[in-house]
Structure formats: structure tokens, C-alpha cells
Amino acid sequence: MDTVKKQEGFESEKLLVLPEYIIMEMIENPLLQSLYVTDIGYFPHAKYHYRERRDGCDTTILICCADGEGWVELNGAEPLRLKANMLIVIPAGTPHSYGAAEQNPWSIYWFHIKGCQVKELVEWFRLDEGLLQIPISGFVKFVELFNQCYDTLLNKLYSPMHHISVSQTIKYLLSTLGMSSVLTEKEERRKLYLEKAINYMNDNINGTIKLPELAQFAGLSKQHLIHLFKQETSFPPIDYFLRLKMNRAGQMLDLTNQTVKQIAVSLGMDPYYFSRIFKKVMGCSPSDYRLIKKG
């Protein structure tokens, strides 16, 4: 006998699909163009749940498994197995299919989003790199924010102000997921290498550092260290070290009466070179920076 397949219609489910005319209004709103929700729902114990989109979807889809199990197949690759406290993001345009496990069908929270910043937001927080395991605290936060968005849309569907609130909440939710998801072993090692190198920089903030000695201390090759820093901070190691020095200099300009020359010397730098780098990094000269009222 063929297995029954269902796209929706589960007991106690939550399901909201925004009307097309409301979506068109959101597209025209400058505060919603970056990201807006088109569909949102919760399917509990979704036995026989199945969906296939061979040409992908024009929205980005997030699926978060609350309990049970299911699977997601992207671009015809080997299916990924989704379990409790795991999520996956399916980028717009990606051919996919997914469904609940037969023996222990999943309960899932899900939503579809569109907007000109969705792709960049997902990529920046690396939410498109396959399955993500969420710690319990992160999952609790996810459910809280999800229910807040769902209830707002359900009860205030015609209010642009509330749609804007939901948009901002979803952005916060995505960034929170990206920062709270459990790191892989490789990512943990990368984080440790980076922290070790930055700690070395802070310990030697008043002196000079050369790339070979920093790489040796961190336990990486020079090329690998450069790649790591550019990937995680957008700056090469020595450039990042100079920026740490300039931040420290800014603190000293704000909190001490030392002259610019004294601060430069205390950081192990030639005063002229220090002033040139400070202006490049901070956007103004050390003397002008000291005149800016802060706080």
C-alpha cells in the first residue's frame, strides 16, 4: 500500500499564509523590503508530512525540528536527517524535498522569508551550511520569538507597524541562531587558534609583533593564520594588531592626560607613524579625537 503524503492538515497545527496583496504592500514599504515573512507555521507530530519542490521556491525556508525526526534533501544530494533541536535553512531557488520519518514523525516550526537582505543575512551567520544543532537555551529562545511573530501576524495581519516589528524580530532570531548554534570540531579549533593569536597581541600591545612569531605562537603557518584572520575579522593579522593598538590609544586619549607623543611611544610606535595610522583607522587625528565629546 502506498504511503500517504500530506503537505499540511495536522491536528493542532498553526498555519498562516499571507495574502498576495499584503505581500505587495510590504514590498513597497522601505522598512520591510530587506526582509518579510510570507508563510509561517507549526506542524506537531506531522505524520506523513511531505513536500517536494523540484525547481526550488522563491522564498528562503527555515525548518526547526522540535521533536521526532525527519529528512531534508537539497539539490538531489543525500538526505539530511533532522532531529530534535536541529534546524536547516533552504535558500531560495534550491531544489528540495523534505518529510517526516515514518516511525517517529517530526514536529516542526517553519517560516518562509523574502527580501533584498535575506541572502546576505543567512550567509553572514552561516545558516546555509547544512544542519545546525541548537543548544537548549537557543531552542527555547527560538520558540519564544517564533510564537511572538506568529501571534502578531495572526492578530495584526493588516498593520504595517506590526509587520515591521515581526521583520526586526526575525532578523534578531536569525542572528541569534547563527551565534548560538553549536560549533563543529573544526570551527572550535579555528576559534581557539584565533583567540590564542589575539590574546598574544593584547599581551604585546605595547611592543611590536612580526607575522612569523605570531604564527609560531598560534601553531599555524603564516598563510593559514592570514586566511583565518581575513575570514573571521576581515583584516590580516598585523592590520588587526594595529587596530587593537589604535583602540587602546583611543582609550588613553579619553582617560589620561598623556600627550599624543607619549601615547605613541607607550605603544611602541614612532609618533608620526602612529598619528598617520590613527587617522586612517579612527577617521580623525589623535588631537581631534581627544576633542570629541563622548558618552
C-alpha atoms as a PDB file:
ATOM      1  CA  MET A   1       0.000   0.000   0.000  1.00  0.00           C
ATOM      2  CA  ASP A   2       1.345   3.450  -0.911  1.00  0.00           C
ATOM      3  CA  THR A   3       2.367   5.751   1.944  1.00  0.00           C
ATOM      4  CA  VAL A   4       0.011   8.670   2.481  1.00  0.00           C
ATOM      5  CA  LYS A   5       1.686  12.016   1.853  1.00  0.00           C
ATOM      6  CA  LYS A   6       0.445  15.283   3.332  1.00  0.00           C
ATOM      7  CA  GLN A   7       1.580  18.856   2.842  1.00  0.00           C
ATOM      8  CA  GLU A   8      -0.489  20.190   5.725  1.00  0.00           C
ATOM      9  CA  GLY A   9      -3.556  19.396   7.832  1.00  0.00           C
ATOM     10  CA  PHE A  10      -2.175  18.195  11.165  1.00  0.00           C
ATOM     11  CA  GLU A  11      -4.061  18.269  14.454  1.00  0.00           C
ATOM     12  CA  SER A  12      -3.348  21.455  16.473  1.00  0.00           C
ATOM     13  CA  GLU A  13      -1.230  22.861  13.653  1.00  0.00           C
ATOM     14  CA  LYS A  14      -0.528  26.554  13.202  1.00  0.00           C
ATOM     15  CA  LEU A  15      -0.557  27.827   9.640  1.00  0.00           C
ATOM     16  CA  LEU A  16      -0.633  31.327   8.196  1.00  0.00           C
ATOM     17  CA  VAL A  17      -0.057  32.256   4.541  1.00  0.00           C
ATOM     18  CA  LEU A  18      -0.081  35.979   3.907  1.00  0.00           C
ATOM     19  CA  PRO A  19      -2.395  37.202   1.132  1.00  0.00           C
ATOM     20  CA  GLU A  20      -0.687  38.387  -2.027  1.00  0.00           C
ATOM     21  CA  TYR A  21      -1.959  41.962  -1.708  1.00  0.00           C
ATOM     22  CA  ILE A  22      -0.411  42.287   1.756  1.00  0.00           C
ATOM     23  CA  ILE A  23       2.903  40.984   0.411  1.00  0.00           C
ATOM     24  CA  MET A  24       2.766  43.596  -2.353  1.00  0.00           C
ATOM     25  CA  GLU A  25       2.252  46.301   0.264  1.00  0.00           C
ATOM     26  CA  MET A  26       5.280  45.037   2.205  1.00  0.00           C
ATOM     27  CA  ILE A  27       7.438  45.108  -0.912  1.00  0.00           C
ATOM     28  CA  GLU A  28       6.655  48.808  -1.301  1.00  0.00           C
ATOM     29  CA  ASN A  29       7.464  49.611   2.338  1.00  0.00           C
ATOM     30  CA  PRO A  30      11.157  50.660   2.669  1.00  0.00           C
ATOM     31  CA  LEU A  31      11.291  49.264   6.209  1.00  0.00           C
ATOM     32  CA  LEU A  32      10.147  45.822   5.036  1.00  0.00           C
ATOM     33  CA  GLN A  33      11.957  45.459   1.728  1.00  0.00           C
ATOM     34  CA  SER A  34      15.004  43.931   3.407  1.00  0.00           C
ATOM     35  CA  LEU A  35      13.099  41.022   4.991  1.00  0.00           C
ATOM     36  CA  TYR A  36       9.481  39.984   5.431  1.00  0.00           C
ATOM     37  CA  VAL A  37       7.584  36.793   6.266  1.00  0.00           C
ATOM     38  CA  THR A  38       5.298  35.263   3.624  1.00  0.00           C
ATOM     39  CA  ASP A  39       4.328  31.965   5.333  1.00  0.00           C
ATOM     40  CA  ILE A  40       4.693  30.698   8.892  1.00  0.00           C
ATOM     41  CA  GLY A  41       3.512  27.644  10.797  1.00  0.00           C
ATOM     42  CA  TYR A  42       3.958  24.817  13.265  1.00  0.00           C
ATOM     43  CA  PHE A  43       3.145  21.175  12.438  1.00  0.00           C
ATOM     44  CA  PRO A  44       3.002  18.908  15.548  1.00  0.00           C
ATOM     45  CA  HIS A  45       3.646  15.184  15.147  1.00  0.00           C
ATOM     46  CA  ALA A  46       3.268  15.636  11.406  1.00  0.00           C
ATOM     47  CA  LYS A  47       2.791  12.034  10.305  1.00  0.00           C
ATOM     48  CA  TYR A  48       3.100  11.564   6.538  1.00  0.00           C
ATOM     49  CA  HIS A  49       4.295  15.149   6.103  1.00  0.00           C
ATOM     50  CA  TYR A  50       5.976  15.535   2.717  1.00  0.00           C
ATOM     51  CA  ARG A  51       6.844  18.377   0.367  1.00  0.00           C
ATOM     52  CA  GLU A  52       8.766  18.444  -2.911  1.00  0.00           C
ATOM     53  CA  ARG A  53       9.789  21.468  -4.984  1.00  0.00           C
ATOM     54  CA  ARG A  54      11.887  20.347  -7.947  1.00  0.00           C
ATOM     55  CA  ASP A  55      12.543  23.906  -9.086  1.00  0.00           C
ATOM     56  CA  GLY A  56      13.022  25.303  -5.612  1.00  0.00           C
ATOM     57  CA  CYS A  57      10.999  28.102  -4.075  1.00  0.00           C
ATOM     58  CA  ASP A  58      11.173  31.878  -4.468  1.00  0.00           C
ATOM     59  CA  THR A  59      11.404  32.212  -0.686  1.00  0.00           C
ATOM     60  CA  THR A  60      14.080  31.163   1.799  1.00  0.00           C
ATOM     61  CA  ILE A  61      12.722  28.466   4.126  1.00  0.00           C
ATOM     62  CA  LEU A  62      13.740  27.740   7.717  1.00  0.00           C
ATOM     63  CA  ILE A  63      12.680  24.451   9.324  1.00  0.00           C
ATOM     64  CA  CYS A  64      13.334  23.794  13.003  1.00  0.00           C
ATOM     65  CA  CYS A  65      12.628  20.344  14.457  1.00  0.00           C
ATOM     66  CA  ALA A  66      11.137  20.416  17.962  1.00  0.00           C
ATOM     67  CA  ASP A  67      10.945  16.650  18.437  1.00  0.00           C
ATOM     68  CA  GLY A  68      10.710  13.467  16.414  1.00  0.00           C
ATOM     69  CA  GLU A  69      12.666  13.063  13.185  1.00  0.00           C
ATOM     70  CA  GLY A  70      12.514  13.953   9.527  1.00  0.00           C
ATOM     71  CA  TRP A  71      14.708  14.410   6.497  1.00  0.00           C
ATOM     72  CA  VAL A  72      15.638  17.142   4.023  1.00  0.00           C
ATOM     73  CA  GLU A  73      17.113  16.608   0.571  1.00  0.00           C
ATOM     74  CA  LEU A  74      18.814  19.518  -1.216  1.00  0.00           C
ATOM     75  CA  ASN A  75      19.783  19.548  -4.888  1.00  0.00           C
ATOM     76  CA  GLY A  76      19.281  15.789  -5.163  1.00  0.00           C
ATOM     77  CA  ALA A  77      22.073  15.103  -2.637  1.00  0.00           C
ATOM     78  CA  GLU A  78      21.970  12.525   0.153  1.00  0.00           C
ATOM     79  CA  PRO A  79      19.070  13.310   2.531  1.00  0.00           C
ATOM     80  CA  LEU A  80      19.983  15.092   5.765  1.00  0.00           C
ATOM     81  CA  ARG A  81      18.424  13.715   8.934  1.00  0.00           C
ATOM     82  CA  LEU A  82      16.737  16.289  11.126  1.00  0.00           C
ATOM     83  CA  LYS A  83      16.251  15.537  14.832  1.00  0.00           C
ATOM     84  CA  ALA A  84      15.111  17.473  17.888  1.00  0.00           C
ATOM     85  CA  ASN A  85      16.714  20.909  18.367  1.00  0.00           C
ATOM     86  CA  MET A  86      18.116  20.909  14.851  1.00  0.00           C
ATOM     87  CA  LEU A  87      17.343  23.315  12.052  1.00  0.00           C
ATOM     88  CA  ILE A  88      18.058  23.794   8.401  1.00  0.00           C
ATOM     89  CA  VAL A  89      17.777  26.785   6.079  1.00  0.00           C
ATOM     90  CA  ILE A  90      16.847  26.138   2.444  1.00  0.00           C
ATOM     91  CA  PRO A  91      17.994  29.093   0.304  1.00  0.00           C
ATOM     92  CA  ALA A  92      15.615  30.470  -2.303  1.00  0.00           C
ATOM     93  CA  GLY A  93      15.886  28.700  -5.649  1.00  0.00           C
ATOM     94  CA  THR A  94      17.308  25.470  -4.196  1.00  0.00           C
ATOM     95  CA  PRO A  95      15.556  22.297  -5.458  1.00  0.00           C
ATOM     96  CA  HIS A  96      14.484  20.336  -2.405  1.00  0.00           C
ATOM     97  CA  SER A  97      12.181  17.856  -0.785  1.00  0.00           C
ATOM     98  CA  TYR A  98      11.533  17.009   2.855  1.00  0.00           C
ATOM     99  CA  GLY A  99       9.321  14.893   5.016  1.00  0.00           C
ATOM    100  CA  ALA A 100       8.669  13.352   8.414  1.00  0.00           C
ATOM    101  CA  ALA A 101      10.091   9.998   9.473  1.00  0.00           C
ATOM    102  CA  GLU A 102       7.513   7.214   9.383  1.00  0.00           C
ATOM    103  CA  GLN A 103       8.233   5.756  12.843  1.00  0.00           C
ATOM    104  CA  ASN A 104       8.805   8.954  14.805  1.00  0.00           C
ATOM    105  CA  PRO A 105       7.402  11.870  12.753  1.00  0.00           C
ATOM    106  CA  TRP A 106       8.761  15.295  13.473  1.00  0.00           C
ATOM    107  CA  SER A 107       7.130  18.353  14.978  1.00  0.00           C
ATOM    108  CA  ILE A 108       8.455  21.403  13.160  1.00  0.00           C
ATOM    109  CA  TYR A 109       8.401  25.159  13.336  1.00  0.00           C
ATOM    110  CA  TRP A 110       8.884  26.753   9.938  1.00  0.00           C
ATOM    111  CA  PHE A 111       8.648  30.018   8.070  1.00  0.00           C
ATOM    112  CA  HIS A 112       9.296  31.454   4.609  1.00  0.00           C
ATOM    113  CA  ILE A 113      11.009  34.818   4.186  1.00  0.00           C
ATOM    114  CA  LYS A 114      11.841  37.116   1.283  1.00  0.00           C
ATOM    115  CA  GLY A 115      13.659  40.427   0.924  1.00  0.00           C
ATOM    116  CA  CYS A 116      16.770  42.035  -0.506  1.00  0.00           C
ATOM    117  CA  GLN A 117      18.896  41.260   2.591  1.00  0.00           C
ATOM    118  CA  VAL A 118      17.800  37.685   3.292  1.00  0.00           C
ATOM    119  CA  LYS A 119      20.590  36.025   1.290  1.00  0.00           C
ATOM    120  CA  GLU A 120      23.300  38.173   2.867  1.00  0.00           C
ATOM    121  CA  LEU A 121      21.885  37.718   6.377  1.00  0.00           C
ATOM    122  CA  VAL A 122      21.730  33.929   6.014  1.00  0.00           C
ATOM    123  CA  GLU A 123      25.241  33.748   4.569  1.00  0.00           C
ATOM    124  CA  TRP A 124      26.752  36.149   7.115  1.00  0.00           C
ATOM    125  CA  PHE A 125      25.578  33.998  10.017  1.00  0.00           C
ATOM    126  CA  ARG A 126      26.421  30.817   8.069  1.00  0.00           C
ATOM    127  CA  LEU A 127      22.928  29.428   8.347  1.00  0.00           C
ATOM    128  CA  ASP A 128      23.099  27.892   4.873  1.00  0.00           C
ATOM    129  CA  GLU A 129      25.855  25.386   5.613  1.00  0.00           C
ATOM    130  CA  GLY A 130      23.661  22.362   6.312  1.00  0.00           C
ATOM    131  CA  LEU A 131      22.183  21.113   9.561  1.00  0.00           C
ATOM    132  CA  LEU A 132      22.656  23.217  12.670  1.00  0.00           C
ATOM    133  CA  GLN A 133      22.355  21.859  16.199  1.00  0.00           C
ATOM    134  CA  ILE A 134      20.834  24.391  18.580  1.00  0.00           C
ATOM    135  CA  PRO A 135      21.595  24.313  22.319  1.00  0.00           C
ATOM    136  CA  ILE A 136      18.583  24.040  24.618  1.00  0.00           C
ATOM    137  CA  SER A 137      18.784  27.703  25.608  1.00  0.00           C
ATOM    138  CA  GLY A 138      18.848  28.701  21.944  1.00  0.00           C
ATOM    139  CA  PHE A 139      15.869  26.494  21.124  1.00  0.00           C
ATOM    140  CA  VAL A 140      13.812  27.966  23.982  1.00  0.00           C
ATOM    141  CA  LYS A 141      14.596  31.450  22.669  1.00  0.00           C
ATOM    142  CA  PHE A 142      13.676  30.382  19.140  1.00  0.00           C
ATOM    143  CA  VAL A 143      10.239  29.096  20.212  1.00  0.00           C
ATOM    144  CA  GLU A 144       9.569  32.270  22.194  1.00  0.00           C
ATOM    145  CA  LEU A 145      10.394  34.528  19.246  1.00  0.00           C
ATOM    146  CA  PHE A 146       8.591  32.297  16.758  1.00  0.00           C
ATOM    147  CA  ASN A 147       5.354  32.352  18.771  1.00  0.00           C
ATOM    148  CA  GLN A 148       5.659  36.095  19.193  1.00  0.00           C
ATOM    149  CA  CYS A 149       5.897  36.539  15.410  1.00  0.00           C
ATOM    150  CA  TYR A 150       3.101  34.081  14.651  1.00  0.00           C
ATOM    151  CA  ASP A 151       0.690  35.630  17.161  1.00  0.00           C
ATOM    152  CA  THR A 152       1.487  39.132  15.924  1.00  0.00           C
ATOM    153  CA  LEU A 153       0.828  38.226  12.294  1.00  0.00           C
ATOM    154  CA  LEU A 154      -2.304  36.291  13.181  1.00  0.00           C
ATOM    155  CA  ASN A 155      -3.857  39.098  15.198  1.00  0.00           C
ATOM    156  CA  LYS A 156      -2.441  42.159  13.428  1.00  0.00           C
ATOM    157  CA  LEU A 157      -2.315  40.980   9.830  1.00  0.00           C
ATOM    158  CA  TYR A 158      -3.327  44.369   8.393  1.00  0.00           C
ATOM    159  CA  SER A 159      -0.971  46.513  10.486  1.00  0.00           C
ATOM    160  CA  PRO A 160       2.247  47.658   8.714  1.00  0.00           C
ATOM    161  CA  MET A 161       3.682  48.642  12.092  1.00  0.00           C
ATOM    162  CA  HIS A 162       3.348  45.081  13.366  1.00  0.00           C
ATOM    163  CA  HIS A 163       4.826  43.644  10.173  1.00  0.00           C
ATOM    164  CA  ILE A 164       7.860  45.858  10.732  1.00  0.00           C
ATOM    165  CA  SER A 165       8.122  44.536  14.283  1.00  0.00           C
ATOM    166  CA  VAL A 166       7.976  40.952  13.007  1.00  0.00           C
ATOM    167  CA  SER A 167      10.649  41.717  10.391  1.00  0.00           C
ATOM    168  CA  GLN A 168      13.031  43.038  13.056  1.00  0.00           C
ATOM    169  CA  THR A 169      12.267  40.079  15.322  1.00  0.00           C
ATOM    170  CA  ILE A 170      13.048  37.562  12.555  1.00  0.00           C
ATOM    171  CA  LYS A 171      16.358  39.317  11.875  1.00  0.00           C
ATOM    172  CA  TYR A 172      17.199  39.061  15.563  1.00  0.00           C
ATOM    173  CA  LEU A 173      16.085  35.427  15.606  1.00  0.00           C
ATOM    174  CA  LEU A 174      18.346  34.533  12.654  1.00  0.00           C
ATOM    175  CA  SER A 175      21.356  36.298  14.133  1.00  0.00           C
ATOM    176  CA  THR A 176      20.746  34.629  17.500  1.00  0.00           C
ATOM    177  CA  LEU A 177      20.581  31.218  15.841  1.00  0.00           C
ATOM    178  CA  GLY A 178      23.807  31.888  13.978  1.00  0.00           C
ATOM    179  CA  MET A 179      25.646  32.832  17.137  1.00  0.00           C
ATOM    180  CA  SER A 180      24.181  30.141  19.397  1.00  0.00           C
ATOM    181  CA  SER A 181      24.378  27.099  17.133  1.00  0.00           C
ATOM    182  CA  VAL A 182      26.880  24.509  18.285  1.00  0.00           C
ATOM    183  CA  LEU A 183      30.237  24.797  16.531  1.00  0.00           C
ATOM    184  CA  THR A 184      31.735  21.849  14.713  1.00  0.00           C
ATOM    185  CA  GLU A 185      35.048  20.452  15.950  1.00  0.00           C
ATOM    186  CA  LYS A 186      36.812  22.228  13.080  1.00  0.00           C
ATOM    187  CA  GLU A 187      35.167  25.531  13.955  1.00  0.00           C
ATOM    188  CA  GLU A 188      36.061  25.095  17.638  1.00  0.00           C
ATOM    189  CA  ARG A 189      39.734  24.652  16.707  1.00  0.00           C
ATOM    190  CA  ARG A 190      39.591  27.695  14.455  1.00  0.00           C
ATOM    191  CA  LYS A 191      38.089  29.765  17.281  1.00  0.00           C
ATOM    192  CA  LEU A 192      40.804  28.617  19.689  1.00  0.00           C
ATOM    193  CA  TYR A 193      43.582  29.499  17.226  1.00  0.00           C
ATOM    194  CA  LEU A 194      42.096  32.948  16.715  1.00  0.00           C
ATOM    195  CA  GLU A 195      41.659  33.601  20.437  1.00  0.00           C
ATOM    196  CA  LYS A 196      45.216  32.452  21.115  1.00  0.00           C
ATOM    197  CA  ALA A 197      46.612  34.837  18.495  1.00  0.00           C
ATOM    198  CA  ILE A 198      44.519  37.792  19.700  1.00  0.00           C
ATOM    199  CA  ASN A 199      45.488  37.157  23.330  1.00  0.00           C
ATOM    200  CA  TYR A 200      49.145  37.243  22.241  1.00  0.00           C
ATOM    201  CA  MET A 201      48.507  40.576  20.525  1.00  0.00           C
ATOM    202  CA  ASN A 202      46.908  42.054  23.643  1.00  0.00           C
ATOM    203  CA  ASP A 203      49.781  40.797  25.806  1.00  0.00           C
ATOM    204  CA  ASN A 204      52.226  42.573  23.477  1.00  0.00           C
ATOM    205  CA  ILE A 205      50.140  45.648  22.725  1.00  0.00           C
ATOM    206  CA  ASN A 206      52.975  47.953  23.856  1.00  0.00           C
ATOM    207  CA  GLY A 207      55.529  46.406  21.534  1.00  0.00           C
ATOM    208  CA  THR A 208      55.870  45.074  18.020  1.00  0.00           C
ATOM    209  CA  ILE A 209      54.876  41.739  16.554  1.00  0.00           C
ATOM    210  CA  LYS A 210      56.040  40.103  13.367  1.00  0.00           C
ATOM    211  CA  LEU A 211      53.893  37.680  11.448  1.00  0.00           C
ATOM    212  CA  PRO A 212      56.280  34.670  11.762  1.00  0.00           C
ATOM    213  CA  GLU A 213      56.401  34.879  15.568  1.00  0.00           C
ATOM    214  CA  LEU A 214      52.607  35.274  15.787  1.00  0.00           C
ATOM    215  CA  ALA A 215      52.072  32.269  13.540  1.00  0.00           C
ATOM    216  CA  GLN A 216      54.558  30.206  15.559  1.00  0.00           C
ATOM    217  CA  PHE A 217      52.838  31.121  18.824  1.00  0.00           C
ATOM    218  CA  ALA A 218      49.415  30.257  17.420  1.00  0.00           C
ATOM    219  CA  GLY A 219      50.694  26.980  15.997  1.00  0.00           C
ATOM    220  CA  LEU A 220      49.726  27.754  12.390  1.00  0.00           C
ATOM    221  CA  SER A 221      51.512  28.505   9.154  1.00  0.00           C
ATOM    222  CA  LYS A 222      51.669  32.156   8.112  1.00  0.00           C
ATOM    223  CA  GLN A 223      49.327  31.506   5.189  1.00  0.00           C
ATOM    224  CA  HIS A 224      46.797  29.692   7.380  1.00  0.00           C
ATOM    225  CA  LEU A 225      46.891  32.454  10.004  1.00  0.00           C
ATOM    226  CA  ILE A 226      46.313  35.139   7.372  1.00  0.00           C
ATOM    227  CA  HIS A 227      43.396  33.155   5.929  1.00  0.00           C
ATOM    228  CA  LEU A 228      41.875  32.664   9.393  1.00  0.00           C
ATOM    229  CA  PHE A 229      42.051  36.348  10.293  1.00  0.00           C
ATOM    230  CA  LYS A 230      40.645  37.513   6.964  1.00  0.00           C
ATOM    231  CA  GLN A 231      37.804  35.014   7.252  1.00  0.00           C
ATOM    232  CA  GLU A 232      36.873  35.872  10.846  1.00  0.00           C
ATOM    233  CA  THR A 233      37.788  39.582  11.160  1.00  0.00           C
ATOM    234  CA  SER A 234      38.119  40.796   7.526  1.00  0.00           C
ATOM    235  CA  PHE A 235      41.659  42.023   8.326  1.00  0.00           C
ATOM    236  CA  PRO A 236      45.136  40.439   8.017  1.00  0.00           C
ATOM    237  CA  PRO A 237      46.795  39.702  11.399  1.00  0.00           C
ATOM    238  CA  ILE A 238      49.182  42.668  11.554  1.00  0.00           C
ATOM    239  CA  ASP A 239      46.484  45.068  10.362  1.00  0.00           C
ATOM    240  CA  TYR A 240      44.231  43.726  13.121  1.00  0.00           C
ATOM    241  CA  PHE A 241      47.065  44.209  15.645  1.00  0.00           C
ATOM    242  CA  LEU A 242      47.413  47.858  14.599  1.00  0.00           C
ATOM    243  CA  ARG A 243      43.673  48.341  15.058  1.00  0.00           C
ATOM    244  CA  LEU A 244      43.941  46.935  18.580  1.00  0.00           C
ATOM    245  CA  LYS A 245      46.685  49.490  19.226  1.00  0.00           C
ATOM    246  CA  MET A 246      44.504  52.307  17.891  1.00  0.00           C
ATOM    247  CA  ASN A 247      41.590  51.243  20.080  1.00  0.00           C
ATOM    248  CA  ARG A 248      43.913  51.248  23.081  1.00  0.00           C
ATOM    249  CA  ALA A 249      45.208  54.666  22.030  1.00  0.00           C
ATOM    250  CA  GLY A 250      41.637  55.967  21.863  1.00  0.00           C
ATOM    251  CA  GLN A 251      41.054  54.825  25.433  1.00  0.00           C
ATOM    252  CA  MET A 252      44.238  56.545  26.581  1.00  0.00           C
ATOM    253  CA  LEU A 253      43.293  59.781  24.805  1.00  0.00           C
ATOM    254  CA  ASP A 254      39.913  59.707  26.572  1.00  0.00           C
ATOM    255  CA  LEU A 255      41.052  58.632  30.014  1.00  0.00           C
ATOM    256  CA  THR A 256      44.544  60.091  30.520  1.00  0.00           C
ATOM    257  CA  ASN A 257      46.358  63.409  30.127  1.00  0.00           C
ATOM    258  CA  GLN A 258      49.275  61.870  28.260  1.00  0.00           C
ATOM    259  CA  THR A 259      50.385  63.676  25.110  1.00  0.00           C
ATOM    260  CA  VAL A 260      49.969  62.102  21.703  1.00  0.00           C
ATOM    261  CA  LYS A 261      53.726  61.516  21.606  1.00  0.00           C
ATOM    262  CA  GLN A 262      53.719  59.811  24.999  1.00  0.00           C
ATOM    263  CA  ILE A 263      50.859  57.528  23.959  1.00  0.00           C
ATOM    264  CA  ALA A 264      52.601  56.634  20.703  1.00  0.00           C
ATOM    265  CA  VAL A 265      55.841  55.769  22.496  1.00  0.00           C
ATOM    266  CA  SER A 266      53.978  53.734  25.145  1.00  0.00           C
ATOM    267  CA  LEU A 267      52.514  51.634  22.307  1.00  0.00           C
ATOM    268  CA  GLY A 268      55.952  51.098  20.776  1.00  0.00           C
ATOM    269  CA  MET A 269      55.324  53.321  17.751  1.00  0.00           C
ATOM    270  CA  ASP A 270      57.000  56.271  16.087  1.00  0.00           C
ATOM    271  CA  PRO A 271      54.790  59.331  16.811  1.00  0.00           C
ATOM    272  CA  TYR A 272      54.480  60.368  13.161  1.00  0.00           C
ATOM    273  CA  TYR A 273      53.631  56.828  12.035  1.00  0.00           C
ATOM    274  CA  PHE A 274      51.225  56.486  14.968  1.00  0.00           C
ATOM    275  CA  SER A 275      49.324  59.654  14.015  1.00  0.00           C
ATOM    276  CA  ARG A 276      49.063  58.544  10.390  1.00  0.00           C
ATOM    277  CA  ILE A 277      47.714  55.087  11.303  1.00  0.00           C
ATOM    278  CA  PHE A 278      45.372  56.517  13.942  1.00  0.00           C
ATOM    279  CA  LYS A 279      43.751  58.874  11.419  1.00  0.00           C
ATOM    280  CA  LYS A 280      43.423  56.065   8.874  1.00  0.00           C
ATOM    281  CA  VAL A 281      41.727  53.719  11.363  1.00  0.00           C
ATOM    282  CA  MET A 282      39.719  56.151  13.504  1.00  0.00           C
ATOM    283  CA  GLY A 283      38.850  58.730  10.852  1.00  0.00           C
ATOM    284  CA  CYS A 284      40.480  61.743  12.533  1.00  0.00           C
ATOM    285  CA  SER A 285      43.784  62.794  14.072  1.00  0.00           C
ATOM    286  CA  PRO A 286      44.571  61.905  17.717  1.00  0.00           C
ATOM    287  CA  SER A 287      44.261  65.595  18.695  1.00  0.00           C
ATOM    288  CA  ASP A 288      40.844  65.936  17.045  1.00  0.00           C
ATOM    289  CA  TYR A 289      39.720  62.645  18.558  1.00  0.00           C
ATOM    290  CA  ARG A 290      40.510  63.928  22.040  1.00  0.00           C
ATOM    291  CA  LEU A 291      38.282  66.980  21.435  1.00  0.00           C
ATOM    292  CA  ILE A 292      35.225  64.870  20.538  1.00  0.00           C
ATOM    293  CA  LYS A 293      32.734  64.730  23.419  1.00  0.00           C
ATOM    294  CA  LYS A 294      31.786  61.154  24.181  1.00  0.00           C
ATOM    295  CA  GLY A 295      29.202  59.454  26.346  1.00  0.00           C
END
